[in-house]
N, C-alpha and C. Protein backbone atom coordinates (compact mmCIF):
# COMPACT_ATOMS: atom_id res chain seq x y z
N UNK A 1 -13.50 13.77 21.55
CA UNK A 1 -12.37 14.04 22.45
C UNK A 1 -11.86 15.46 22.42
N UNK A 2 -11.43 15.88 23.73
CA UNK A 2 -10.67 17.12 23.97
C UNK A 2 -9.36 17.24 23.16
N UNK A 3 -9.13 18.28 22.69
CA UNK A 3 -7.69 18.42 22.19
C UNK A 3 -6.87 19.80 22.44
N UNK A 4 -5.90 19.84 22.38
CA UNK A 4 -5.17 20.92 22.96
C UNK A 4 -4.00 21.23 21.95
N UNK A 5 -3.74 22.21 21.31
CA UNK A 5 -2.54 22.50 20.31
C UNK A 5 -1.84 23.83 20.68
N UNK A 6 -0.43 23.79 20.27
CA UNK A 6 0.17 25.27 20.42
C UNK A 6 -0.05 25.74 18.74
N UNK A 7 -0.47 26.88 18.93
CA UNK A 7 -0.53 27.79 17.60
C UNK A 7 0.97 28.30 17.53
N UNK A 8 1.55 27.66 16.48
CA UNK A 8 3.13 28.34 16.33
C UNK A 8 3.23 29.98 16.00
N UNK A 9 2.03 30.27 14.99
CA UNK A 9 2.31 31.56 14.77
C UNK A 9 1.71 32.59 15.86
N UNK A 10 2.76 33.54 16.29
CA UNK A 10 2.64 34.45 17.41
C UNK A 10 3.36 33.87 18.52
N UNK A 11 3.47 32.61 18.88
CA UNK A 11 4.16 32.24 19.93
C UNK A 11 5.49 32.80 20.38
N UNK A 12 5.70 32.93 21.50
CA UNK A 12 7.18 33.78 21.79
C UNK A 12 7.96 32.91 22.32
N UNK A 13 9.55 32.91 21.72
CA UNK A 13 10.41 32.01 21.97
C UNK A 13 11.41 32.92 22.95
N UNK A 14 11.78 32.65 23.92
CA UNK A 14 12.76 33.35 24.66
C UNK A 14 14.10 32.59 24.37
N UNK A 15 14.27 31.41 24.11
CA UNK A 15 15.88 31.00 23.82
C UNK A 15 15.84 29.82 23.11
N UNK A 16 16.96 29.54 22.14
CA UNK A 16 17.23 28.49 21.56
C UNK A 16 18.57 28.00 21.79
N UNK A 17 18.59 26.92 22.41
CA UNK A 17 20.10 26.45 22.59
C UNK A 17 20.28 24.91 22.04
N UNK A 18 21.58 24.41 21.97
CA UNK A 18 22.12 23.27 21.68
C UNK A 18 23.16 22.94 22.66
N UNK A 19 22.94 21.90 23.23
CA UNK A 19 24.09 21.37 24.27
C UNK A 19 23.89 19.83 24.25
N UNK A 20 24.74 19.20 24.12
CA UNK A 20 25.17 17.68 24.24
C UNK A 20 24.20 17.04 23.56
N UNK A 21 24.05 17.48 22.15
CA UNK A 21 23.14 16.90 21.11
C UNK A 21 21.95 17.09 21.21
N UNK A 22 21.30 17.79 22.10
CA UNK A 22 19.91 18.23 22.30
C UNK A 22 19.66 19.67 21.94
N UNK A 23 18.56 20.09 21.02
CA UNK A 23 18.10 21.14 20.90
C UNK A 23 17.08 21.48 21.84
N UNK A 24 17.03 22.75 22.27
CA UNK A 24 15.96 23.06 23.46
C UNK A 24 15.32 24.40 23.13
N UNK A 25 14.23 24.47 22.72
CA UNK A 25 13.38 25.65 22.08
C UNK A 25 12.45 26.05 23.53
N UNK A 26 12.90 27.21 24.07
CA UNK A 26 12.12 27.44 25.13
C UNK A 26 10.91 28.88 24.72
N UNK A 27 9.70 28.36 25.00
CA UNK A 27 8.70 29.30 24.56
C UNK A 27 8.33 29.96 26.10
N UNK A 28 8.44 31.21 26.00
CA UNK A 28 7.89 32.18 27.01
C UNK A 28 6.36 32.18 27.18
N UNK A 29 5.94 32.08 25.95
CA UNK A 29 4.47 32.23 25.88
C UNK A 29 4.00 31.40 24.56
N UNK A 30 3.64 30.25 24.61
CA UNK A 30 3.25 29.24 23.72
C UNK A 30 1.71 29.64 23.72
N UNK A 31 0.99 29.69 22.73
CA UNK A 31 -0.30 30.15 22.43
C UNK A 31 -1.15 28.78 22.12
N UNK A 32 -2.03 28.50 22.95
CA UNK A 32 -2.73 27.09 23.03
C UNK A 32 -3.94 27.48 22.49
N UNK A 33 -4.63 26.55 21.71
CA UNK A 33 -6.16 26.63 21.27
C UNK A 33 -6.73 25.15 21.86
N UNK A 34 -7.58 25.50 22.74
CA UNK A 34 -8.07 24.15 23.27
C UNK A 34 -9.69 23.84 22.58
N UNK A 35 -10.02 22.64 22.45
CA UNK A 35 -11.21 22.17 21.79
C UNK A 35 -11.74 21.21 22.58
N UNK A 36 -13.24 21.61 22.91
CA UNK A 36 -13.81 20.64 23.74
C UNK A 36 -14.86 19.83 22.84
N UNK A 37 -14.87 18.43 23.34
CA UNK A 37 -15.75 17.81 22.43
C UNK A 37 -16.94 18.22 22.37
N UNK A 38 -17.59 17.93 21.30
CA UNK A 38 -19.21 18.37 20.98
C UNK A 38 -19.53 19.87 20.96
N UNK A 39 -18.16 20.65 21.11
CA UNK A 39 -18.57 22.15 21.11
C UNK A 39 -17.72 22.78 19.98
N UNK A 40 -18.79 23.61 19.28
CA UNK A 40 -17.95 24.54 18.20
C UNK A 40 -17.00 25.36 18.64
N UNK A 41 -17.06 25.87 19.71
CA UNK A 41 -16.20 27.01 20.07
C UNK A 41 -15.09 26.40 20.72
N UNK A 42 -13.98 27.03 20.38
CA UNK A 42 -12.56 27.05 21.18
C UNK A 42 -12.12 28.04 22.17
N UNK A 43 -11.12 27.63 22.84
CA UNK A 43 -10.72 28.76 24.00
C UNK A 43 -9.29 29.11 23.56
N UNK A 44 -8.65 30.08 23.76
CA UNK A 44 -7.29 30.45 23.68
C UNK A 44 -6.52 30.74 24.75
N UNK A 45 -5.51 30.09 25.02
CA UNK A 45 -4.72 30.31 26.17
C UNK A 45 -3.48 30.53 26.08
N UNK A 46 -2.58 30.79 27.25
CA UNK A 46 -0.75 30.73 26.93
C UNK A 46 -0.36 30.05 28.03
N UNK A 47 1.11 29.48 27.52
CA UNK A 47 1.68 28.80 28.87
C UNK A 47 3.10 28.76 28.41
N UNK A 48 4.18 28.56 29.30
CA UNK A 48 5.50 28.19 28.92
C UNK A 48 5.72 26.76 28.69
N UNK A 49 6.92 26.66 28.14
CA UNK A 49 7.22 25.39 27.63
C UNK A 49 8.34 25.15 27.08
N UNK A 50 8.83 24.02 26.67
CA UNK A 50 10.19 23.49 26.10
C UNK A 50 9.70 22.51 25.19
N UNK A 51 10.28 22.79 23.81
CA UNK A 51 10.53 21.62 22.81
C UNK A 51 11.68 21.28 22.76
N UNK A 52 12.31 19.88 22.86
CA UNK A 52 13.36 19.23 22.83
C UNK A 52 13.51 18.35 21.97
N UNK A 53 14.44 18.22 20.92
CA UNK A 53 14.90 17.41 20.10
C UNK A 53 16.23 16.80 20.15
N UNK A 54 16.32 15.46 20.35
CA UNK A 54 17.59 14.81 20.75
C UNK A 54 18.45 14.20 19.33
N UNK A 55 19.67 13.93 19.88
CA UNK A 55 20.49 13.57 18.68
C UNK A 55 20.29 14.70 17.56
N UNK A 56 20.21 15.79 17.71
CA UNK A 56 19.88 17.02 16.75
C UNK A 56 21.27 17.01 15.59
N UNK A 57 20.77 17.37 14.72
CA UNK A 57 21.78 17.97 13.29
C UNK A 57 20.99 19.34 13.06
N UNK A 58 21.98 20.13 13.02
CA UNK A 58 21.62 21.64 12.59
C UNK A 58 22.22 22.12 11.33
N UNK A 59 21.61 21.90 10.35
CA UNK A 59 22.24 22.17 9.01
C UNK A 59 22.31 23.79 8.92
N UNK A 60 21.83 24.70 9.64
CA UNK A 60 21.89 26.13 9.63
C UNK A 60 22.10 26.66 10.78
N UNK A 61 22.67 27.93 11.05
CA UNK A 61 22.90 28.51 12.42
C UNK A 61 21.83 28.76 13.02
N UNK A 62 21.99 28.65 14.75
CA UNK A 62 20.97 28.95 15.27
C UNK A 62 20.42 30.49 15.39
N UNK A 63 19.19 30.74 15.12
CA UNK A 63 18.70 32.17 15.26
C UNK A 63 18.91 32.59 16.53
N UNK A 64 19.12 34.06 16.77
CA UNK A 64 19.30 34.52 17.80
C UNK A 64 17.83 35.07 18.48
N UNK A 65 17.46 34.51 19.62
CA UNK A 65 16.38 34.78 20.24
C UNK A 65 16.52 36.21 21.38
N UNK A 66 15.54 36.76 21.79
CA UNK A 66 14.01 36.06 21.75
C UNK A 66 13.41 36.59 20.29
N UNK A 67 12.42 35.93 19.91
CA UNK A 67 12.02 35.83 18.63
C UNK A 67 10.35 35.62 18.81
N UNK A 68 9.63 35.72 17.58
CA UNK A 68 8.10 35.67 17.93
C UNK A 68 8.00 34.72 16.34
N UNK A 69 7.57 33.48 16.64
CA UNK A 69 7.14 32.58 15.57
C UNK A 69 6.27 32.96 14.62
N UNK A 70 6.47 32.61 13.33
CA UNK A 70 5.48 33.06 12.34
C UNK A 70 4.91 31.57 11.45
N UNK A 71 5.24 30.67 12.23
CA UNK A 71 4.72 29.43 11.76
C UNK A 71 6.08 28.21 11.42
N UNK A 72 5.52 27.27 11.00
CA UNK A 72 6.62 26.32 10.79
C UNK A 72 6.12 25.01 10.66
N UNK A 73 6.88 23.87 10.34
CA UNK A 73 6.53 22.45 10.23
C UNK A 73 6.98 21.56 11.30
N UNK A 74 6.37 20.72 11.73
CA UNK A 74 7.28 19.89 12.53
C UNK A 74 6.97 18.45 12.31
N UNK A 75 7.75 17.58 11.67
CA UNK A 75 7.78 16.49 10.94
C UNK A 75 7.93 15.48 11.90
N UNK A 76 7.01 14.28 12.18
CA UNK A 76 7.21 13.25 13.13
C UNK A 76 6.72 11.94 12.20
N UNK A 77 8.23 11.52 11.76
CA UNK A 77 7.94 10.12 10.87
C UNK A 77 6.99 10.49 9.67
N UNK A 78 5.88 9.88 9.49
CA UNK A 78 5.25 10.25 8.27
C UNK A 78 3.95 11.56 8.44
N UNK A 79 4.03 12.12 9.63
CA UNK A 79 3.06 13.10 9.92
C UNK A 79 3.84 14.35 9.67
N UNK A 80 3.04 15.46 9.16
CA UNK A 80 3.58 16.94 9.37
C UNK A 80 2.41 17.66 9.89
N UNK A 81 2.86 18.28 11.17
CA UNK A 81 2.04 19.29 11.79
C UNK A 81 2.62 20.69 11.31
N UNK A 82 1.59 21.13 10.75
CA UNK A 82 1.96 22.59 10.14
C UNK A 82 1.32 23.46 10.97
N UNK A 83 2.17 24.62 11.35
CA UNK A 83 1.89 25.70 12.04
C UNK A 83 1.21 25.50 13.50
N UNK A 84 1.41 24.24 13.96
CA UNK A 84 0.71 23.71 15.19
C UNK A 84 1.66 22.62 15.92
N UNK A 85 1.63 22.35 17.07
CA UNK A 85 2.33 21.11 17.71
C UNK A 85 1.03 20.66 18.68
N UNK A 86 0.80 19.32 18.60
CA UNK A 86 -0.18 18.83 19.56
C UNK A 86 0.25 18.76 20.96
N UNK A 87 -0.53 18.86 22.01
CA UNK A 87 -0.19 18.71 23.30
C UNK A 87 -1.05 17.82 24.03
N UNK A 88 -0.57 16.66 24.61
CA UNK A 88 0.92 16.24 24.67
C UNK A 88 1.65 15.91 23.42
N UNK A 89 2.93 15.98 23.32
CA UNK A 89 3.72 15.60 21.93
C UNK A 89 5.08 14.95 22.67
N UNK A 90 5.16 13.57 22.08
CA UNK A 90 6.45 12.99 22.38
C UNK A 90 6.73 11.99 21.25
N UNK A 91 7.59 11.72 20.73
CA UNK A 91 7.81 10.71 19.56
C UNK A 91 9.44 10.26 19.44
N UNK A 92 9.49 9.43 18.91
CA UNK A 92 10.63 8.84 18.38
C UNK A 92 10.85 8.54 16.85
N UNK A 93 11.85 8.51 16.27
CA UNK A 93 12.15 8.36 14.94
C UNK A 93 12.65 9.54 14.18
N UNK A 94 11.96 9.61 12.82
CA UNK A 94 12.74 10.92 12.09
C UNK A 94 11.61 11.85 12.66
N UNK A 95 12.64 13.10 13.13
CA UNK A 95 12.00 14.20 13.33
C UNK A 95 12.49 15.56 12.76
N UNK A 96 11.80 16.30 12.39
CA UNK A 96 12.31 17.50 11.38
C UNK A 96 11.59 18.76 11.87
N UNK A 97 12.18 19.77 12.09
CA UNK A 97 11.54 20.75 12.67
C UNK A 97 12.06 22.13 11.81
N UNK A 98 11.20 22.81 11.54
CA UNK A 98 11.36 23.98 10.72
C UNK A 98 10.54 25.13 11.01
N UNK A 99 11.05 26.12 11.45
CA UNK A 99 10.37 27.42 12.09
C UNK A 99 10.86 28.51 11.25
N UNK A 100 9.68 29.42 11.12
CA UNK A 100 9.86 30.84 10.69
C UNK A 100 9.86 31.86 11.81
N UNK A 101 10.23 32.92 11.51
CA UNK A 101 10.09 33.91 12.65
C UNK A 101 9.51 35.40 11.91
N UNK A 102 8.87 36.17 12.94
CA UNK A 102 8.25 37.35 12.52
C UNK A 102 9.39 38.53 12.30
N UNK A 103 9.55 39.26 11.27
CA UNK A 103 10.55 40.29 11.16
C UNK A 103 11.93 40.04 10.82
N UNK A 104 12.13 38.76 10.12
CA UNK A 104 13.58 38.33 9.84
C UNK A 104 13.45 36.98 8.80
N UNK A 105 14.29 37.02 7.85
CA UNK A 105 14.35 35.75 7.20
C UNK A 105 15.15 34.61 7.59
N UNK A 106 15.55 34.59 8.78
CA UNK A 106 16.22 33.68 9.54
C UNK A 106 15.18 32.61 9.59
N UNK A 107 15.69 31.18 9.64
CA UNK A 107 14.68 30.24 10.02
C UNK A 107 15.42 29.24 10.83
N UNK A 108 14.75 28.39 11.45
CA UNK A 108 15.47 27.22 12.28
C UNK A 108 15.24 25.99 11.72
N UNK A 109 16.32 25.09 11.49
CA UNK A 109 15.95 23.92 10.67
C UNK A 109 16.90 22.77 11.58
N UNK A 110 16.05 21.89 12.33
CA UNK A 110 16.76 20.66 13.15
C UNK A 110 16.29 19.63 12.46
N UNK A 111 17.00 18.70 12.64
CA UNK A 111 16.84 17.18 12.33
C UNK A 111 17.13 16.29 13.48
N UNK A 112 16.34 15.40 14.03
CA UNK A 112 16.89 14.67 14.96
C UNK A 112 15.92 13.24 15.12
N UNK A 113 16.14 12.39 16.42
CA UNK A 113 15.66 11.23 16.45
C UNK A 113 14.60 11.11 17.19
N UNK A 114 14.42 12.02 18.24
CA UNK A 114 13.16 12.09 19.15
C UNK A 114 12.74 13.46 19.48
N UNK A 115 11.80 13.65 19.93
CA UNK A 115 11.02 14.80 20.43
C UNK A 115 10.26 15.01 21.60
N UNK A 116 10.35 15.90 22.41
CA UNK A 116 9.44 15.99 23.51
C UNK A 116 9.12 17.44 23.92
N UNK A 117 7.78 17.58 24.29
CA UNK A 117 7.19 18.72 24.55
C UNK A 117 6.66 18.80 26.08
N UNK A 118 7.59 19.83 26.93
CA UNK A 118 7.04 19.84 28.48
C UNK A 118 6.68 21.25 28.27
N UNK A 119 5.20 21.28 28.92
CA UNK A 119 4.48 22.57 29.22
C UNK A 119 4.94 22.74 30.94
N UNK A 120 5.10 23.96 31.37
CA UNK A 120 5.33 24.41 32.87
C UNK A 120 4.14 25.35 33.15
N UNK A 121 3.93 25.51 34.35
CA UNK A 121 3.34 26.41 35.05
C UNK A 121 1.73 25.97 34.62
N UNK A 122 0.86 26.89 34.93
CA UNK A 122 -0.60 26.67 34.84
C UNK A 122 -0.78 27.74 33.35
N UNK A 123 -1.63 26.96 32.34
CA UNK A 123 -2.17 27.65 31.22
C UNK A 123 -2.95 28.96 31.84
N UNK A 124 -2.86 30.02 31.30
CA UNK A 124 -3.61 31.43 31.43
C UNK A 124 -4.65 31.51 30.49
N UNK A 125 -5.81 31.69 30.62
CA UNK A 125 -6.74 32.11 29.73
C UNK A 125 -6.76 33.44 29.11
N UNK A 126 -6.99 33.37 27.76
CA UNK A 126 -7.06 34.68 27.08
C UNK A 126 -8.45 35.11 26.61
N UNK A 127 -9.00 34.14 25.79
CA UNK A 127 -10.17 34.54 25.19
C UNK A 127 -11.01 33.28 24.69
N UNK A 128 -12.47 33.43 24.27
CA UNK A 128 -13.26 32.28 23.73
C UNK A 128 -13.14 32.74 22.38
N UNK A 129 -12.88 31.54 21.43
CA UNK A 129 -12.84 31.95 19.95
C UNK A 129 -14.32 31.05 19.50
N UNK A 130 -14.91 32.13 19.11
CA UNK A 130 -16.49 31.78 18.54
C UNK A 130 -16.31 30.97 17.20
N UNK A 131 -17.31 30.24 16.91
CA UNK A 131 -17.19 29.48 15.59
C UNK A 131 -16.96 30.41 14.38
N UNK A 132 -15.99 29.99 13.50
CA UNK A 132 -15.71 30.91 12.39
C UNK A 132 -14.63 31.91 12.67
N UNK A 133 -14.34 32.29 13.99
CA UNK A 133 -13.32 33.30 14.25
C UNK A 133 -12.07 32.37 14.27
N UNK A 134 -11.10 33.16 13.58
CA UNK A 134 -9.60 32.43 13.61
C UNK A 134 -8.89 32.94 14.79
N UNK A 135 -7.79 31.97 15.21
CA UNK A 135 -7.08 32.27 16.48
C UNK A 135 -6.33 33.46 15.84
N UNK A 136 -6.11 34.57 16.84
CA UNK A 136 -5.25 35.64 16.49
C UNK A 136 -4.15 35.70 17.24
N UNK A 137 -2.96 35.94 16.86
CA UNK A 137 -1.61 36.17 17.52
C UNK A 137 -1.77 37.46 18.37
N UNK A 138 -0.94 37.13 19.45
CA UNK A 138 -0.48 38.31 20.25
C UNK A 138 -1.35 38.81 21.43
């Protein structure tokens, strides 16, 4: 089965806002890694998108964007996605998002009841990742 994931490390965030109980994280460049069935090679792309968490509680203040993500965890009920977000992604239940950022000790911690990832525009190709080559940020 083909799969696509956002590689959080290096993904660029243009804004983080909370309005009417919804956290909205706007990615200006979310770095995608696509894997095709039966292939050892992967491809790297970028695309704009939004991660929205509803009925959100924010135990810490919002970090000031723009920011470059340095990784983090996205908990969806019993699953934890470390340093990545599957595409597409939508779920209800216990949602917890903790992100770290390059060049700062600030983190984002959000807890909510549902999450939705919406990608915008067309993905732009960056490079082919050969077998054994790690995804690079930037």
